[in-house]
C-alpha atoms as a PDB file:
ATOM      1  CA  UNK A   1      21.685 -27.837-169.256  1.00  0.00           C
ATOM      2  CA  UNK A   2      23.845 -28.984-167.233  1.00  0.00           C
ATOM      3  CA  UNK A   3      26.613 -31.130-168.830  1.00  0.00           C
ATOM      4  CA  UNK A   4      27.680 -34.484-168.786  1.00  0.00           C
ATOM      5  CA  UNK A   5      31.155 -33.708-166.501  1.00  0.00           C
ATOM      6  CA  UNK A   6      30.722 -31.656-162.924  1.00  0.00           C
ATOM      7  CA  UNK A   7      33.462 -30.736-160.953  1.00  0.00           C
ATOM      8  CA  UNK A   8      32.442 -31.135-156.763  1.00  0.00           C
ATOM      9  CA  UNK A   9      34.185 -28.709-154.310  1.00  0.00           C
ATOM     10  CA  UNK A  10      33.735 -28.176-151.242  1.00  0.00           C
ATOM     11  CA  UNK A  11      34.360 -24.944-150.390  1.00  0.00           C
ATOM     12  CA  UNK A  12      30.646 -25.060-148.564  1.00  0.00           C
ATOM     13  CA  UNK A  13      32.234 -27.170-146.138  1.00  0.00           C
ATOM     14  CA  UNK A  14      35.577 -25.674-144.861  1.00  0.00           C
ATOM     15  CA  UNK A  15      33.773 -23.615-142.150  1.00  0.00           C
ATOM     16  CA  UNK A  16      31.288 -25.020-141.153  1.00  0.00           C
ATOM     17  CA  UNK A  17      28.470 -25.195-137.782  1.00  0.00           C
ATOM     18  CA  UNK A  18      28.527 -28.657-136.704  1.00  0.00           C
ATOM     19  CA  UNK A  19      25.496 -28.543-134.299  1.00  0.00           C
ATOM     20  CA  UNK A  20      25.614 -32.667-133.860  1.00  0.00           C
ATOM     21  CA  UNK A  21      28.723 -35.302-134.750  1.00  0.00           C
ATOM     22  CA  UNK A  22      29.737 -38.389-132.608  1.00  0.00           C
ATOM     23  CA  UNK A  23      32.694 -37.405-130.524  1.00  0.00           C
ATOM     24  CA  UNK A  24      36.060 -38.324-133.356  1.00  0.00           C
ATOM     25  CA  UNK A  25      38.557 -40.239-132.948  1.00  0.00           C
ATOM     26  CA  UNK A  26      41.977 -39.058-131.268  1.00  0.00           C
ATOM     27  CA  UNK A  27      44.533 -38.501-134.934  1.00  0.00           C
ATOM     28  CA  UNK A  28      40.486 -37.617-136.159  1.00  0.00           C
ATOM     29  CA  UNK A  29      38.938 -34.233-137.113  1.00  0.00           C
ATOM     30  CA  UNK A  30      35.617 -33.498-139.002  1.00  0.00           C
ATOM     31  CA  UNK A  31      36.597 -30.905-141.067  1.00  0.00           C
ATOM     32  CA  UNK A  32      39.194 -33.943-143.152  1.00  0.00           C
ATOM     33  CA  UNK A  33      35.909 -34.701-144.029  1.00  0.00           C
ATOM     34  CA  UNK A  34      36.051 -32.177-146.664  1.00  0.00           C
ATOM     35  CA  UNK A  35      39.622 -31.291-147.401  1.00  0.00           C
ATOM     36  CA  UNK A  36      43.211 -32.131-146.587  1.00  0.00           C
ATOM     37  CA  UNK A  37      44.422 -35.388-148.293  1.00  0.00           C
ATOM     38  CA  UNK A  38      42.946 -38.689-149.094  1.00  0.00           C
ATOM     39  CA  UNK A  39      44.516 -40.556-146.250  1.00  0.00           C
ATOM     40  CA  UNK A  40      43.101 -37.340-142.732  1.00  0.00           C
ATOM     41  CA  UNK A  41      39.352 -38.952-143.072  1.00  0.00           C
ATOM     42  CA  UNK A  42      37.566 -39.152-140.061  1.00  0.00           C
ATOM     43  CA  UNK A  43      37.033 -41.828-138.022  1.00  0.00           C
ATOM     44  CA  UNK A  44      34.120 -41.998-134.824  1.00  0.00           C
ATOM     45  CA  UNK A  45      35.199 -43.128-131.189  1.00  0.00           C
ATOM     46  CA  UNK A  46      32.958 -45.477-130.173  1.00  0.00           C
ATOM     47  CA  UNK A  47      31.264 -48.796-131.753  1.00  0.00           C
ATOM     48  CA  UNK A  48      27.761 -47.747-132.950  1.00  0.00           C
ATOM     49  CA  UNK A  49      25.427 -48.739-135.596  1.00  0.00           C
ATOM     50  CA  UNK A  50      24.113 -44.839-136.497  1.00  0.00           C
ATOM     51  CA  UNK A  51      26.657 -42.298-137.670  1.00  0.00           C
ATOM     52  CA  UNK A  52      24.906 -38.253-137.477  1.00  0.00           C
ATOM     53  CA  UNK A  53      27.241 -35.070-138.301  1.00  0.00           C
ATOM     54  CA  UNK A  54      24.361 -32.262-138.681  1.00  0.00           C
ATOM     55  CA  UNK A  55      25.711 -29.368-139.515  1.00  0.00           C
ATOM     56  CA  UNK A  56      24.242 -25.432-141.134  1.00  0.00           C
ATOM     57  CA  UNK A  57      25.269 -24.047-143.334  1.00  0.00           C
ATOM     58  CA  UNK A  58      23.318 -20.653-144.090  1.00  0.00           C
ATOM     59  CA  UNK A  59      20.413 -19.272-145.094  1.00  0.00           C
ATOM     60  CA  UNK A  60      22.777 -18.412-148.065  1.00  0.00           C
ATOM     61  CA  UNK A  61      23.269 -21.760-149.077  1.00  0.00           C
ATOM     62  CA  UNK A  62      20.791 -22.635-152.196  1.00  0.00           C
ATOM     63  CA  UNK A  63      21.394 -25.373-154.143  1.00  0.00           C
ATOM     64  CA  UNK A  64      19.250 -26.345-156.725  1.00  0.00           C
ATOM     65  CA  UNK A  65      21.504 -29.945-157.903  1.00  0.00           C
ATOM     66  CA  UNK A  66      23.229 -32.178-155.078  1.00  0.00           C
ATOM     67  CA  UNK A  67      25.686 -34.679-155.714  1.00  0.00           C
ATOM     68  CA  UNK A  68      28.124 -36.355-152.925  1.00  0.00           C
ATOM     69  CA  UNK A  69      30.355 -39.304-152.510  1.00  0.00           C
ATOM     70  CA  UNK A  70      31.908 -41.168-149.974  1.00  0.00           C
ATOM     71  CA  UNK A  71      35.582 -42.078-150.669  1.00  0.00           C
ATOM     72  CA  UNK A  72      36.405 -45.321-148.836  1.00  0.00           C
ATOM     73  CA  UNK A  73      33.103 -46.339-149.242  1.00  0.00           C
ATOM     74  CA  UNK A  74      34.372 -49.849-148.856  1.00  0.00           C
ATOM     75  CA  UNK A  75      36.079 -49.707-145.322  1.00  0.00           C
ATOM     76  CA  UNK A  76      33.008 -49.414-143.500  1.00  0.00           C
ATOM     77  CA  UNK A  77      31.012 -52.085-146.143  1.00  0.00           C
ATOM     78  CA  UNK A  78      33.901 -54.511-145.022  1.00  0.00           C
ATOM     79  CA  UNK A  79      33.320 -54.108-141.791  1.00  0.00           C
ATOM     80  CA  UNK A  80      29.577 -55.022-141.803  1.00  0.00           C
ATOM     81  CA  UNK A  81      26.985 -57.754-142.331  1.00  0.00           C
ATOM     82  CA  UNK A  82      24.365 -56.646-145.221  1.00  0.00           C
ATOM     83  CA  UNK A  83      24.305 -54.019-146.932  1.00  0.00           C
ATOM     84  CA  UNK A  84      25.290 -50.112-146.084  1.00  0.00           C
ATOM     85  CA  UNK A  85      23.594 -47.467-146.186  1.00  0.00           C
ATOM     86  CA  UNK A  86      24.549 -43.318-146.328  1.00  0.00           C
ATOM     87  CA  UNK A  87      21.677 -40.776-146.511  1.00  0.00           C
ATOM     88  CA  UNK A  88      22.554 -36.595-147.092  1.00  0.00           C
ATOM     89  CA  UNK A  89      19.024 -35.323-145.762  1.00  0.00           C
ATOM     90  CA  UNK A  90      18.612 -31.676-145.894  1.00  0.00           C
ATOM     91  CA  UNK A  91      15.631 -29.187-144.168  1.00  0.00           C
ATOM     92  CA  UNK A  92      14.717 -25.987-142.629  1.00  0.00           C
ATOM     93  CA  UNK A  93      14.151 -27.308-138.354  1.00  0.00           C
ATOM     94  CA  UNK A  94      17.423 -27.942-137.016  1.00  0.00           C
ATOM     95  CA  UNK A  95      15.558 -30.634-135.781  1.00  0.00           C
ATOM     96  CA  UNK A  96      14.974 -31.616-139.296  1.00  0.00           C
ATOM     97  CA  UNK A  97      11.467 -31.923-139.974  1.00  0.00           C
ATOM     98  CA  UNK A  98      10.101 -32.240-143.846  1.00  0.00           C
ATOM     99  CA  UNK A  99      13.001 -33.435-145.052  1.00  0.00           C
ATOM    100  CA  UNK A 100      14.158 -34.184-148.106  1.00  0.00           C
ATOM    101  CA  UNK A 101      16.974 -36.806-148.532  1.00  0.00           C
ATOM    102  CA  UNK A 102      18.937 -38.928-151.315  1.00  0.00           C
ATOM    103  CA  UNK A 103      19.849 -42.526-149.733  1.00  0.00           C
ATOM    104  CA  UNK A 104      22.390 -45.324-151.299  1.00  0.00           C
ATOM    105  CA  UNK A 105      22.198 -48.485-150.336  1.00  0.00           C
ATOM    106  CA  UNK A 106      25.181 -50.305-151.207  1.00  0.00           C
ATOM    107  CA  UNK A 107      27.107 -53.610-151.559  1.00  0.00           C
ATOM    108  CA  UNK A 108      31.224 -53.677-152.667  1.00  0.00           C
ATOM    109  CA  UNK A 109      30.066 -54.187-156.393  1.00  0.00           C
ATOM    110  CA  UNK A 110      27.772 -50.554-155.972  1.00  0.00           C
ATOM    111  CA  UNK A 111      31.504 -49.162-155.633  1.00  0.00           C
ATOM    112  CA  UNK A 112      32.712 -47.267-158.537  1.00  0.00           C
ATOM    113  CA  UNK A 113      36.152 -44.759-159.312  1.00  0.00           C
ATOM    114  CA  UNK A 114      39.377 -46.341-160.458  1.00  0.00           C
ATOM    115  CA  UNK A 115      40.592 -47.978-157.689  1.00  0.00           C
ATOM    116  CA  UNK A 116      37.091 -49.445-156.336  1.00  0.00           C
ATOM    117  CA  UNK A 117      36.228 -47.378-153.557  1.00  0.00           C
ATOM    118  CA  UNK A 118      34.299 -44.672-153.890  1.00  0.00           C
ATOM    119  CA  UNK A 119      30.113 -44.119-153.529  1.00  0.00           C
ATOM    120  CA  UNK A 120      27.691 -41.474-155.371  1.00  0.00           C
ATOM    121  CA  UNK A 121      24.444 -39.832-155.467  1.00  0.00           C
ATOM    122  CA  UNK A 122      22.494 -37.085-156.186  1.00  0.00           C
ATOM    123  CA  UNK A 123      19.122 -35.352-155.784  1.00  0.00           C
ATOM    124  CA  UNK A 124      16.912 -31.789-156.842  1.00  0.00           C
ATOM    125  CA  UNK A 125      16.241 -29.993-153.352  1.00  0.00           C
ATOM    126  CA  UNK A 126      12.594 -28.679-154.400  1.00  0.00           C
ATOM    127  CA  UNK A 127      13.675 -25.764-152.557  1.00  0.00           C
ATOM    128  CA  UNK A 128      16.861 -24.012-150.527  1.00  0.00           C
ATOM    129  CA  UNK A 129      17.405 -25.267-146.952  1.00  0.00           C
ATOM    130  CA  UNK A 130      19.267 -24.307-144.266  1.00  0.00           C
ATOM    131  CA  UNK A 131      20.820 -27.641-142.240  1.00  0.00           C
ATOM    132  CA  UNK A 132      22.135 -30.669-143.944  1.00  0.00           C
ATOM    133  CA  UNK A 133      22.608 -34.368-141.696  1.00  0.00           C
ATOM    134  CA  UNK A 134      24.209 -36.716-143.406  1.00  0.00           C
ATOM    135  CA  UNK A 135      24.185 -40.183-141.542  1.00  0.00           C
ATOM    136  CA  UNK A 136      25.424 -43.805-142.010  1.00  0.00           C
ATOM    137  CA  UNK A 137      23.848 -47.162-140.752  1.00  0.00           C
ATOM    138  CA  UNK A 138      25.699 -50.145-140.693  1.00  0.00           C
ATOM    139  CA  UNK A 139      24.014 -53.505-139.182  1.00  0.00           C
ATOM    140  CA  UNK A 140      27.199 -54.258-137.890  1.00  0.00           C
ATOM    141  CA  UNK A 141      28.967 -52.373-134.619  1.00  0.00           C
ATOM    142  CA  UNK A 142      31.543 -50.496-135.845  1.00  0.00           C
ATOM    143  CA  UNK A 143      34.310 -46.993-135.247  1.00  0.00           C
ATOM    144  CA  UNK A 144      32.631 -45.763-138.723  1.00  0.00           C
ATOM    145  CA  UNK A 145      35.457 -44.378-141.129  1.00  0.00           C
ATOM    146  CA  UNK A 146      35.230 -41.685-143.776  1.00  0.00           C
ATOM    147  CA  UNK A 147      38.085 -40.833-145.948  1.00  0.00           C
ATOM    148  CA  UNK A 148      35.466 -37.804-147.703  1.00  0.00           C
ATOM    149  CA  UNK A 149      31.708 -36.674-147.562  1.00  0.00           C
ATOM    150  CA  UNK A 150      31.392 -33.819-149.424  1.00  0.00           C
ATOM    151  CA  UNK A 151      28.110 -32.763-151.496  1.00  0.00           C
ATOM    152  CA  UNK A 152      26.767 -29.439-152.996  1.00  0.00           C
ATOM    153  CA  UNK A 153      26.120 -27.919-156.034  1.00  0.00           C
ATOM    154  CA  UNK A 154      28.794 -29.262-158.320  1.00  0.00           C
ATOM    155  CA  UNK A 155      30.573 -26.299-161.254  1.00  0.00           C
ATOM    156  CA  UNK A 156      29.429 -26.945-164.540  1.00  0.00           C
ATOM    157  CA  UNK A 157      31.481 -26.140-166.709  1.00  0.00           C
ATOM    158  CA  UNK A 158      28.857 -24.747-169.714  1.00  0.00           C
ATOM    159  CA  UNK A 159      30.268 -26.921-171.807  1.00  0.00           C
ATOM    160  CA  UNK A 160      31.925 -30.377-171.627  1.00  0.00           C
ATOM    161  CA  UNK A 161      35.330 -31.112-172.954  1.00  0.00           C
ATOM    162  CA  UNK A 162      36.815 -31.586-176.036  1.00  0.00           C
ATOM    163  CA  UNK A 163      36.543 -36.083-176.708  1.00  0.00           C
ATOM    164  CA  UNK A 164      39.960 -36.018-176.956  1.00  0.00           C
ATOM    165  CA  UNK A 165      41.132 -35.980-173.874  1.00  0.00           C
ATOM    166  CA  UNK A 166      43.982 -38.227-172.066  1.00  0.00           C
ATOM    167  CA  UNK A 167      44.584 -40.279-169.229  1.00  0.00           C
ATOM    168  CA  UNK A 168      47.681 -42.050-167.582  1.00  0.00           C
ATOM    169  CA  UNK A 169      49.355 -44.370-164.902  1.00  0.00           C
ATOM    170  CA  UNK A 170      52.027 -42.749-163.872  1.00  0.00           C
ATOM    171  CA  UNK A 171      54.821 -45.946-163.027  1.00  0.00           C
ATOM    172  CA  UNK A 172      57.466 -44.262-161.160  1.00  0.00           C
ATOM    173  CA  UNK A 173      59.745 -47.453-159.381  1.00  0.00           C
ATOM    174  CA  UNK A 174      58.774 -51.326-158.640  1.00  0.00           C
ATOM    175  CA  UNK A 175      58.686 -50.138-154.793  1.00  0.00           C
ATOM    176  CA  UNK A 176      56.462 -47.446-155.382  1.00  0.00           C
ATOM    177  CA  UNK A 177      52.535 -47.221-153.886  1.00  0.00           C
ATOM    178  CA  UNK A 178      49.927 -47.917-157.433  1.00  0.00           C
ATOM    179  CA  UNK A 179      50.132 -45.787-160.044  1.00  0.00           C
ATOM    180  CA  UNK A 180      48.613 -42.385-159.957  1.00  0.00           C
ATOM    181  CA  UNK A 181      46.001 -41.505-162.377  1.00  0.00           C
ATOM    182  CA  UNK A 182      46.377 -37.695-163.858  1.00  0.00           C
ATOM    183  CA  UNK A 183      43.400 -37.151-166.822  1.00  0.00           C
ATOM    184  CA  UNK A 184      44.135 -33.751-169.002  1.00  0.00           C
ATOM    185  CA  UNK A 185      40.764 -31.806-170.166  1.00  0.00           C
ATOM    186  CA  UNK A 186      40.358 -29.454-172.674  1.00  0.00           C
ATOM    187  CA  UNK A 187      37.276 -26.778-173.133  1.00  0.00           C
ATOM    188  CA  UNK A 188      36.713 -24.917-175.515  1.00  0.00           C
ATOM    189  CA  UNK A 189      33.988 -21.742-176.537  1.00  0.00           C
ATOM    190  CA  UNK A 190      34.027 -20.855-171.866  1.00  0.00           C
ATOM    191  CA  UNK A 191      32.051 -18.136-171.089  1.00  0.00           C
ATOM    192  CA  UNK A 192      33.936 -15.585-169.211  1.00  0.00           C
ATOM    193  CA  UNK A 193      31.644 -15.954-166.631  1.00  0.00           C
ATOM    194  CA  UNK A 194      31.609 -19.896-166.253  1.00  0.00           C
ATOM    195  CA  UNK A 195      36.391 -19.320-166.539  1.00  0.00           C
ATOM    196  CA  UNK A 196      36.045 -16.428-163.249  1.00  0.00           C
ATOM    197  CA  UNK A 197      33.616 -19.354-161.525  1.00  0.00           C
ATOM    198  CA  UNK A 198      35.884 -21.858-162.539  1.00  0.00           C
ATOM    199  CA  UNK A 199      38.706 -20.579-161.198  1.00  0.00           C
ATOM    200  CA  UNK A 200      36.930 -19.318-157.922  1.00  0.00           C
ATOM    201  CA  UNK A 201      35.687 -22.426-156.403  1.00  0.00           C
ATOM    202  CA  UNK A 202      38.502 -24.725-158.445  1.00  0.00           C
ATOM    203  CA  UNK A 203      41.725 -23.129-159.468  1.00  0.00           C
ATOM    204  CA  UNK A 204      41.669 -20.975-156.591  1.00  0.00           C
ATOM    205  CA  UNK A 205      41.802 -23.640-153.387  1.00  0.00           C
ATOM    206  CA  UNK A 206      44.059 -25.733-155.909  1.00  0.00           C
ATOM    207  CA  UNK A 207      46.397 -26.471-153.430  1.00  0.00           C
ATOM    208  CA  UNK A 208      44.478 -27.371-150.172  1.00  0.00           C
ATOM    209  CA  UNK A 209      41.322 -28.351-151.691  1.00  0.00           C
ATOM    210  CA  UNK A 210      40.810 -31.748-154.572  1.00  0.00           C
ATOM    211  CA  UNK A 211      38.459 -31.543-156.016  1.00  0.00           C
ATOM    212  CA  UNK A 212      35.715 -34.800-157.701  1.00  0.00           C
ATOM    213  CA  UNK A 213      35.481 -35.875-161.275  1.00  0.00           C
ATOM    214  CA  UNK A 214      31.623 -36.873-162.196  1.00  0.00           C
ATOM    215  CA  UNK A 215      29.623 -38.386-164.502  1.00  0.00           C
ATOM    216  CA  UNK A 216      26.087 -38.187-164.575  1.00  0.00           C
ATOM    217  CA  UNK A 217      25.476 -40.217-167.447  1.00  0.00           C
ATOM    218  CA  UNK A 218      28.065 -41.234-170.674  1.00  0.00           C
ATOM    219  CA  UNK A 219      30.754 -42.447-168.329  1.00  0.00           C
ATOM    220  CA  UNK A 220      33.071 -43.217-170.962  1.00  0.00           C
ATOM    221  CA  UNK A 221      34.364 -39.616-170.440  1.00  0.00           C
ATOM    222  CA  UNK A 222      36.333 -40.687-166.894  1.00  0.00           C
ATOM    223  CA  UNK A 223      36.893 -43.781-168.525  1.00  0.00           C
ATOM    224  CA  UNK A 224      33.926 -45.314-166.855  1.00  0.00           C
ATOM    225  CA  UNK A 225      35.489 -44.762-163.402  1.00  0.00           C
ATOM    226  CA  UNK A 226      32.226 -42.207-162.704  1.00  0.00           C
ATOM    227  CA  UNK A 227      33.777 -40.361-159.972  1.00  0.00           C
ATOM    228  CA  UNK A 228      37.249 -39.208-159.515  1.00  0.00           C
ATOM    229  CA  UNK A 229      38.528 -37.857-156.023  1.00  0.00           C
ATOM    230  CA  UNK A 230      41.686 -35.654-157.815  1.00  0.00           C
ATOM    231  CA  UNK A 231      44.191 -32.841-156.995  1.00  0.00           C
ATOM    232  CA  UNK A 232      43.846 -30.051-160.166  1.00  0.00           C
ATOM    233  CA  UNK A 233      47.970 -30.246-161.289  1.00  0.00           C
ATOM    234  CA  UNK A 234      48.015 -27.798-163.592  1.00  0.00           C
ATOM    235  CA  UNK A 235      45.658 -24.978-165.828  1.00  0.00           C
ATOM    236  CA  UNK A 236      46.496 -23.033-168.747  1.00  0.00           C
ATOM    237  CA  UNK A 237      42.920 -20.951-169.343  1.00  0.00           C
ATOM    238  CA  UNK A 238      43.681 -18.436-173.250  1.00  0.00           C
ATOM    239  CA  UNK A 239      41.488 -15.604-174.358  1.00  0.00           C
ATOM    240  CA  UNK A 240      39.881 -16.711-177.284  1.00  0.00           C
ATOM    241  CA  UNK A 241      37.632 -15.325-178.260  1.00  0.00           C
ATOM    242  CA  UNK A 242      34.758 -12.255-177.223  1.00  0.00           C
ATOM    243  CA  UNK A 243      33.511 -13.865-174.285  1.00  0.00           C
ATOM    244  CA  UNK A 244      35.219 -17.407-175.199  1.00  0.00           C
ATOM    245  CA  UNK A 245      37.660 -19.133-173.220  1.00  0.00           C
ATOM    246  CA  UNK A 246      40.268 -22.420-173.705  1.00  0.00           C
ATOM    247  CA  UNK A 247      40.752 -23.792-170.435  1.00  0.00           C
ATOM    248  CA  UNK A 248      43.519 -27.239-170.270  1.00  0.00           C
ATOM    249  CA  UNK A 249      43.515 -29.030-167.018  1.00  0.00           C
ATOM    250  CA  UNK A 250      45.322 -31.318-165.766  1.00  0.00           C
ATOM    251  CA  UNK A 251      44.258 -33.945-163.132  1.00  0.00           C
ATOM    252  CA  UNK A 252      45.846 -35.705-160.496  1.00  0.00           C
ATOM    253  CA  UNK A 253      43.731 -38.610-158.395  1.00  0.00           C
ATOM    254  CA  UNK A 254      44.185 -38.604-154.687  1.00  0.00           C
ATOM    255  CA  UNK A 255      45.996 -41.533-153.331  1.00  0.00           C
END
């Protein structure tokens, strides 16, 4: 059974086969949609009302649940003249026939996250799909820009963390940028299989790839943010019993 706190990673998107995408503006790269610092995103070169990015993730990619997040979703909505629409579309044809998809039309009051800059949605695909399209549609024509747009099967620890979590907002000096949120979680009774999966999907790439913390129903776990774009700052993994481990993690917000 899925738990309430999930961790969305982007390993399967590190080097995707790109079938089609708009020309990027100077200084922007498509791969920045999934790796690197929050401010290193993707921007199209010419004004448009539709941006489509088509990816081939291979026949072996078979998620049973899809979540997506657009970090910096407010950038496009602030330039649009009506609701902005984001879609994640899946198909087994590179022409995207017989697709399944999730569509999310949003305004500024739909944005979530610590700074009100994200949108997130999900769907359950009926089968495995090889081809994936990220599509943004606006009423106004301008150069669409994204900080990050990950999608995929989130990692599920197999149980929720203990309720006694901690969040901090560190303020270094009066001249510093906005305070950075840190959140600490502790999990008990995590199986060996889930512990190894956590190491492979989250810990291994912690220095190059941020992750996204998501809540599905009970949003108080993330202080009602619903989504946080974070780096894994530290992780303590302890064996406590046969096939039972303790994991203590601190995540730091990407800004």
